[in-house]
Structure formats: structure tokens, C-alpha cells
Amino acid sequence: MLRRDWEQAAGTIIDRRNKRGGEVGGDASTMRFLVEVRPTSGQSFRLELGIPGFGANFRAPMVGDVVKVLCNPAHTKARFDTSDPRLSWKTEQQAKKNQFDAELHEGDSA
């Protein structure tokens, strides 16, 4: 999909919910986010966003988090900016590992 006239913006997570869908008896729950988008040009607006792509590396933001989004203010459309490290599950796991390793080796130099 062509993304002309899209710009980076800040998005504040207002609410997050699981929506059910799909076949009866199947687990097809998906996370949906109510986001207030504040573009650099134009008025801020709210919309519902889903998990981008397959969501394999997506870390779901919490209510109150401010994350990067790409938006088209003229059409009040937006999507999560997956280049934001705060939305990366792998980045979060690496930070946890680094913290654990630092705590593990805290008293080694004595």
C-alpha cells in the first residue's frame, strides 16, 4: 500500500481491549488499541488501531504509553510505527536479559 503524505506523530494509548472474532469455538482474539494521535501538522484525532502485520515482534503498549505512529492527518488514518523500539518484543526481552546479567554479575568484581 502506498503511504503518501504520511508523517511521524506521537500516539497516546487511551484504552486497549481484546476483540473476539472468527469462527464459533475458535480462539481468534485480537488486541485493539484506542489511540490519540498528535500529528505535527493539523488537529489531533482518535482512532482504533490493531496489531501491525503478524505481530510476531510486536510488544503491546499499555494504557498511558506514548509511542510513535505514522499518520495521514488529512484522512485521519494512522498505524503503529514498528521502528519504535518501545513496540519491539525483542528489544524488551534483550533489555530484561541485560538487566538480569548485570544483577547476576553485580558482586563478581569484589
N, C-alpha and C. Protein backbone atom coordinates (compact mmCIF):
# COMPACT_ATOMS: atom_id res chain seq x y z
N MET A 1 0.84 -1.17 0.00
CA MET A 1 0.00 0.00 0.00
C MET A 1 0.89 1.24 0.00
N LEU A 2 0.59 2.17 -0.85
CA LEU A 2 1.34 3.41 -0.90
C LEU A 2 0.96 4.29 0.27
N ARG A 3 1.95 4.90 0.86
CA ARG A 3 1.69 5.75 2.03
C ARG A 3 2.21 7.15 1.73
N ARG A 4 1.51 7.83 0.84
CA ARG A 4 1.87 9.20 0.53
C ARG A 4 1.30 10.14 1.58
N ASP A 5 2.01 11.20 1.84
CA ASP A 5 1.58 12.23 2.78
C ASP A 5 1.43 11.71 4.21
N TRP A 6 2.18 10.66 4.54
CA TRP A 6 2.17 10.16 5.91
C TRP A 6 3.33 10.79 6.65
N GLU A 7 3.14 11.05 7.92
CA GLU A 7 4.18 11.68 8.74
C GLU A 7 4.25 11.00 10.09
N GLN A 8 5.39 11.19 10.76
CA GLN A 8 5.53 10.64 12.11
C GLN A 8 4.75 11.50 13.08
N ALA A 9 4.21 10.85 14.09
CA ALA A 9 3.45 11.55 15.12
C ALA A 9 3.58 10.77 16.42
N ALA A 10 3.13 11.38 17.49
CA ALA A 10 3.08 10.70 18.79
C ALA A 10 1.66 10.19 19.00
N GLY A 11 1.57 8.99 19.54
CA GLY A 11 0.27 8.41 19.83
C GLY A 11 0.19 7.98 21.28
N THR A 12 -0.83 8.42 21.99
CA THR A 12 -1.04 8.04 23.38
C THR A 12 -2.11 6.95 23.43
N ILE A 13 -1.80 5.86 24.11
CA ILE A 13 -2.73 4.76 24.23
C ILE A 13 -3.79 5.15 25.28
N ILE A 14 -5.03 5.28 24.84
CA ILE A 14 -6.13 5.67 25.71
C ILE A 14 -6.78 4.43 26.34
N ASP A 15 -6.91 3.36 25.55
CA ASP A 15 -7.54 2.13 26.02
C ASP A 15 -7.03 0.98 25.17
N ARG A 16 -7.09 -0.23 25.73
CA ARG A 16 -6.74 -1.43 24.97
C ARG A 16 -7.70 -2.54 25.36
N ARG A 17 -8.13 -3.30 24.35
CA ARG A 17 -9.12 -4.35 24.59
C ARG A 17 -8.88 -5.52 23.67
N ASN A 18 -9.39 -6.67 24.09
CA ASN A 18 -9.40 -7.85 23.23
C ASN A 18 -10.75 -7.89 22.53
N LYS A 19 -10.73 -8.05 21.23
CA LYS A 19 -11.97 -8.22 20.47
C LYS A 19 -12.01 -9.64 19.98
N ARG A 20 -13.16 -10.24 20.06
CA ARG A 20 -13.33 -11.60 19.56
C ARG A 20 -13.87 -11.56 18.15
N GLY A 21 -13.49 -12.54 17.39
CA GLY A 21 -13.99 -12.65 16.02
C GLY A 21 -13.67 -14.01 15.48
N GLY A 22 -14.02 -14.25 14.26
CA GLY A 22 -13.70 -15.52 13.63
C GLY A 22 -14.77 -16.56 13.85
N GLU A 23 -14.40 -17.81 13.67
CA GLU A 23 -15.34 -18.91 13.74
C GLU A 23 -15.78 -19.18 15.17
N VAL A 24 -16.97 -19.75 15.29
CA VAL A 24 -17.50 -20.12 16.60
C VAL A 24 -16.62 -21.22 17.18
N GLY A 25 -16.21 -21.06 18.42
CA GLY A 25 -15.37 -22.05 19.08
C GLY A 25 -13.89 -21.85 18.83
N GLY A 26 -13.54 -21.04 17.87
CA GLY A 26 -12.12 -20.78 17.59
C GLY A 26 -11.63 -19.61 18.43
N ASP A 27 -10.35 -19.62 18.78
CA ASP A 27 -9.78 -18.52 19.54
C ASP A 27 -9.15 -17.55 18.56
N ALA A 28 -9.91 -16.55 18.19
CA ALA A 28 -9.41 -15.55 17.24
C ALA A 28 -9.42 -14.18 17.89
N SER A 29 -8.96 -14.12 19.16
CA SER A 29 -8.95 -12.84 19.85
C SER A 29 -7.84 -11.97 19.29
N THR A 30 -8.12 -10.70 19.19
CA THR A 30 -7.12 -9.74 18.73
C THR A 30 -7.13 -8.54 19.64
N MET A 31 -5.98 -7.97 19.84
CA MET A 31 -5.85 -6.79 20.68
C MET A 31 -6.15 -5.56 19.83
N ARG A 32 -6.95 -4.65 20.36
CA ARG A 32 -7.27 -3.39 19.69
C ARG A 32 -6.91 -2.25 20.64
N PHE A 33 -6.47 -1.14 20.09
CA PHE A 33 -6.00 -0.01 20.88
C PHE A 33 -6.72 1.26 20.46
N LEU A 34 -7.20 2.02 21.43
CA LEU A 34 -7.74 3.35 21.16
C LEU A 34 -6.58 4.31 21.36
N VAL A 35 -6.22 5.03 20.30
CA VAL A 35 -5.02 5.86 20.30
C VAL A 35 -5.38 7.31 19.96
N GLU A 36 -4.85 8.24 20.74
CA GLU A 36 -4.97 9.65 20.40
C GLU A 36 -3.69 10.03 19.66
N VAL A 37 -3.85 10.41 18.41
CA VAL A 37 -2.72 10.74 17.54
C VAL A 37 -2.54 12.25 17.52
N ARG A 38 -1.30 12.70 17.75
CA ARG A 38 -0.98 14.12 17.72
C ARG A 38 0.03 14.39 16.60
N PRO A 39 -0.46 14.69 15.40
CA PRO A 39 0.46 14.97 14.29
C PRO A 39 1.13 16.33 14.46
N THR A 40 2.25 16.51 13.77
CA THR A 40 2.94 17.80 13.83
C THR A 40 2.16 18.87 13.09
N SER A 41 1.35 18.45 12.11
CA SER A 41 0.51 19.40 11.39
C SER A 41 -0.94 18.94 11.53
N GLY A 42 -1.81 19.85 11.85
CA GLY A 42 -3.22 19.51 11.95
C GLY A 42 -3.66 19.19 13.36
N GLN A 43 -4.95 18.88 13.47
CA GLN A 43 -5.57 18.59 14.75
C GLN A 43 -5.27 17.16 15.19
N SER A 44 -5.27 16.94 16.50
CA SER A 44 -5.14 15.57 16.99
C SER A 44 -6.48 14.87 16.78
N PHE A 45 -6.40 13.53 16.68
CA PHE A 45 -7.61 12.74 16.45
C PHE A 45 -7.44 11.38 17.11
N ARG A 46 -8.56 10.71 17.31
CA ARG A 46 -8.54 9.38 17.93
C ARG A 46 -9.03 8.35 16.93
N LEU A 47 -8.44 7.16 17.04
CA LEU A 47 -8.89 6.06 16.21
C LEU A 47 -8.47 4.74 16.84
N GLU A 48 -9.00 3.67 16.31
CA GLU A 48 -8.69 2.33 16.80
C GLU A 48 -7.63 1.72 15.91
N LEU A 49 -6.58 1.18 16.53
CA LEU A 49 -5.52 0.51 15.79
C LEU A 49 -5.42 -0.94 16.24
N GLY A 50 -5.01 -1.79 15.32
CA GLY A 50 -4.78 -3.19 15.64
C GLY A 50 -3.30 -3.49 15.66
N ILE A 51 -2.98 -4.74 15.90
CA ILE A 51 -1.59 -5.19 15.90
C ILE A 51 -1.09 -5.18 14.46
N PRO A 52 0.08 -4.58 14.20
CA PRO A 52 0.57 -4.50 12.83
C PRO A 52 1.08 -5.84 12.31
N GLY A 53 0.79 -6.13 11.06
CA GLY A 53 1.28 -7.36 10.42
C GLY A 53 0.86 -8.60 11.18
N PHE A 54 1.79 -9.53 11.30
CA PHE A 54 1.52 -10.76 12.04
C PHE A 54 1.73 -10.59 13.54
N GLY A 55 2.35 -9.49 13.92
CA GLY A 55 2.55 -9.20 15.34
C GLY A 55 3.62 -10.03 16.01
N ALA A 56 4.48 -10.69 15.24
CA ALA A 56 5.49 -11.58 15.81
C ALA A 56 6.46 -10.84 16.73
N ASN A 57 6.83 -9.62 16.39
CA ASN A 57 7.79 -8.86 17.19
C ASN A 57 7.12 -7.67 17.86
N PHE A 58 5.80 -7.66 17.92
CA PHE A 58 5.08 -6.50 18.45
C PHE A 58 4.86 -6.64 19.95
N ARG A 59 5.29 -5.63 20.71
CA ARG A 59 5.03 -5.56 22.15
C ARG A 59 3.85 -4.63 22.34
N ALA A 60 2.78 -5.15 22.86
CA ALA A 60 1.56 -4.35 23.03
C ALA A 60 1.79 -3.25 24.06
N PRO A 61 1.55 -2.00 23.69
CA PRO A 61 1.72 -0.91 24.65
C PRO A 61 0.61 -0.91 25.69
N MET A 62 0.90 -0.33 26.82
CA MET A 62 -0.05 -0.24 27.93
C MET A 62 -0.78 1.11 27.87
N VAL A 63 -1.91 1.19 28.55
CA VAL A 63 -2.66 2.44 28.62
C VAL A 63 -1.76 3.52 29.22
N GLY A 64 -1.72 4.67 28.56
CA GLY A 64 -0.88 5.78 29.01
C GLY A 64 0.45 5.87 28.29
N ASP A 65 0.88 4.79 27.64
CA ASP A 65 2.15 4.82 26.89
C ASP A 65 2.04 5.79 25.72
N VAL A 66 3.15 6.47 25.45
CA VAL A 66 3.24 7.33 24.27
C VAL A 66 4.22 6.65 23.32
N VAL A 67 3.76 6.33 22.12
CA VAL A 67 4.56 5.61 21.14
C VAL A 67 4.54 6.35 19.81
N LYS A 68 5.44 5.93 18.93
CA LYS A 68 5.48 6.52 17.58
C LYS A 68 4.41 5.89 16.70
N VAL A 69 3.76 6.74 15.93
CA VAL A 69 2.82 6.27 14.92
C VAL A 69 3.11 7.01 13.62
N LEU A 70 2.68 6.43 12.53
CA LEU A 70 2.70 7.11 11.24
C LEU A 70 1.26 7.47 10.94
N CYS A 71 1.04 8.70 10.47
CA CYS A 71 -0.34 9.12 10.26
C CYS A 71 -0.49 9.97 9.00
N ASN A 72 -1.71 10.02 8.53
CA ASN A 72 -2.11 10.91 7.45
C ASN A 72 -3.22 11.78 8.03
N PRO A 73 -2.87 12.97 8.53
CA PRO A 73 -3.85 13.81 9.21
C PRO A 73 -5.03 14.20 8.32
N ALA A 74 -4.80 14.37 7.03
CA ALA A 74 -5.87 14.77 6.14
C ALA A 74 -6.99 13.73 6.06
N HIS A 75 -6.62 12.47 6.22
CA HIS A 75 -7.61 11.39 6.14
C HIS A 75 -7.86 10.73 7.49
N THR A 76 -7.29 11.30 8.56
CA THR A 76 -7.38 10.76 9.93
C THR A 76 -7.13 9.26 9.96
N LYS A 77 -6.01 8.87 9.35
CA LYS A 77 -5.59 7.46 9.36
C LYS A 77 -4.24 7.39 10.07
N ALA A 78 -3.98 6.25 10.66
CA ALA A 78 -2.70 6.05 11.35
C ALA A 78 -2.41 4.57 11.48
N ARG A 79 -1.16 4.28 11.79
CA ARG A 79 -0.72 2.92 12.10
C ARG A 79 0.48 3.04 13.02
N PHE A 80 0.72 1.96 13.77
CA PHE A 80 1.89 1.95 14.65
C PHE A 80 3.16 2.02 13.80
N ASP A 81 4.15 2.78 14.28
CA ASP A 81 5.45 2.85 13.63
C ASP A 81 6.30 1.73 14.23
N THR A 82 6.46 0.64 13.47
CA THR A 82 7.16 -0.53 14.00
C THR A 82 8.66 -0.30 14.19
N SER A 83 9.18 0.85 13.77
CA SER A 83 10.59 1.15 14.03
C SER A 83 10.80 1.66 15.46
N ASP A 84 9.72 1.92 16.20
CA ASP A 84 9.81 2.38 17.58
C ASP A 84 10.25 1.22 18.47
N PRO A 85 11.41 1.32 19.14
CA PRO A 85 11.88 0.22 19.98
C PRO A 85 10.94 -0.10 21.15
N ARG A 86 10.10 0.86 21.54
CA ARG A 86 9.15 0.61 22.63
C ARG A 86 8.05 -0.37 22.21
N LEU A 87 7.92 -0.61 20.90
CA LEU A 87 6.91 -1.54 20.39
C LEU A 87 7.53 -2.87 19.98
N SER A 88 8.80 -3.08 20.32
CA SER A 88 9.51 -4.29 19.91
C SER A 88 9.62 -5.28 21.07
N TRP A 89 9.07 -6.46 20.87
CA TRP A 89 9.15 -7.52 21.87
C TRP A 89 10.60 -7.96 22.04
N LYS A 90 11.34 -8.06 20.95
CA LYS A 90 12.74 -8.50 21.03
C LYS A 90 13.59 -7.50 21.83
N THR A 91 13.35 -6.22 21.63
CA THR A 91 14.09 -5.20 22.37
C THR A 91 13.78 -5.29 23.85
N GLU A 92 12.52 -5.52 24.19
CA GLU A 92 12.13 -5.67 25.60
C GLU A 92 12.80 -6.89 26.23
N GLN A 93 12.81 -8.01 25.51
CA GLN A 93 13.43 -9.23 26.04
C GLN A 93 14.93 -9.06 26.22
N GLN A 94 15.60 -8.36 25.28
CA GLN A 94 17.03 -8.11 25.40
C GLN A 94 17.34 -7.22 26.60
N ALA A 95 16.50 -6.22 26.84
CA ALA A 95 16.70 -5.34 28.00
C ALA A 95 16.54 -6.12 29.30
N LYS A 96 15.56 -7.02 29.36
CA LYS A 96 15.38 -7.85 30.56
C LYS A 96 16.59 -8.76 30.78
N LYS A 97 17.10 -9.34 29.69
CA LYS A 97 18.27 -10.21 29.78
C LYS A 97 19.49 -9.43 30.27
N ASN A 98 19.70 -8.23 29.71
CA ASN A 98 20.83 -7.40 30.12
C ASN A 98 20.74 -7.03 31.60
N GLN A 99 19.53 -6.71 32.07
CA GLN A 99 19.34 -6.36 33.48
C GLN A 99 19.63 -7.57 34.37
N PHE A 100 19.14 -8.73 33.97
CA PHE A 100 19.38 -9.95 34.74
C PHE A 100 20.88 -10.25 34.81
N ASP A 101 21.56 -10.17 33.66
CA ASP A 101 23.00 -10.43 33.62
C ASP A 101 23.78 -9.45 34.51
N ALA A 102 23.36 -8.18 34.49
CA ALA A 102 24.03 -7.18 35.32
C ALA A 102 23.84 -7.49 36.80
N GLU A 103 22.64 -7.90 37.17
CA GLU A 103 22.37 -8.24 38.56
C GLU A 103 23.11 -9.52 38.97
N LEU A 104 23.23 -10.46 38.04
CA LEU A 104 23.90 -11.72 38.30
C LEU A 104 25.38 -11.51 38.60
N HIS A 105 26.01 -10.60 37.87
CA HIS A 105 27.44 -10.37 38.00
C HIS A 105 27.78 -9.13 38.83
N GLU A 106 26.81 -8.64 39.59
CA GLU A 106 26.99 -7.42 40.38
C GLU A 106 28.13 -7.54 41.39
N GLY A 107 28.26 -8.65 42.06
CA GLY A 107 29.29 -8.79 43.09
C GLY A 107 30.54 -9.50 42.64
N ASP A 108 30.70 -9.76 41.35
CA ASP A 108 31.85 -10.52 40.84
C ASP A 108 33.18 -9.77 40.96
N SER A 109 33.18 -8.47 40.86
CA SER A 109 34.46 -7.74 40.84
C SER A 109 35.05 -7.54 42.23
N ALA A 110 34.39 -7.97 43.26
CA ALA A 110 34.91 -7.77 44.62
C ALA A 110 35.93 -8.79 45.00
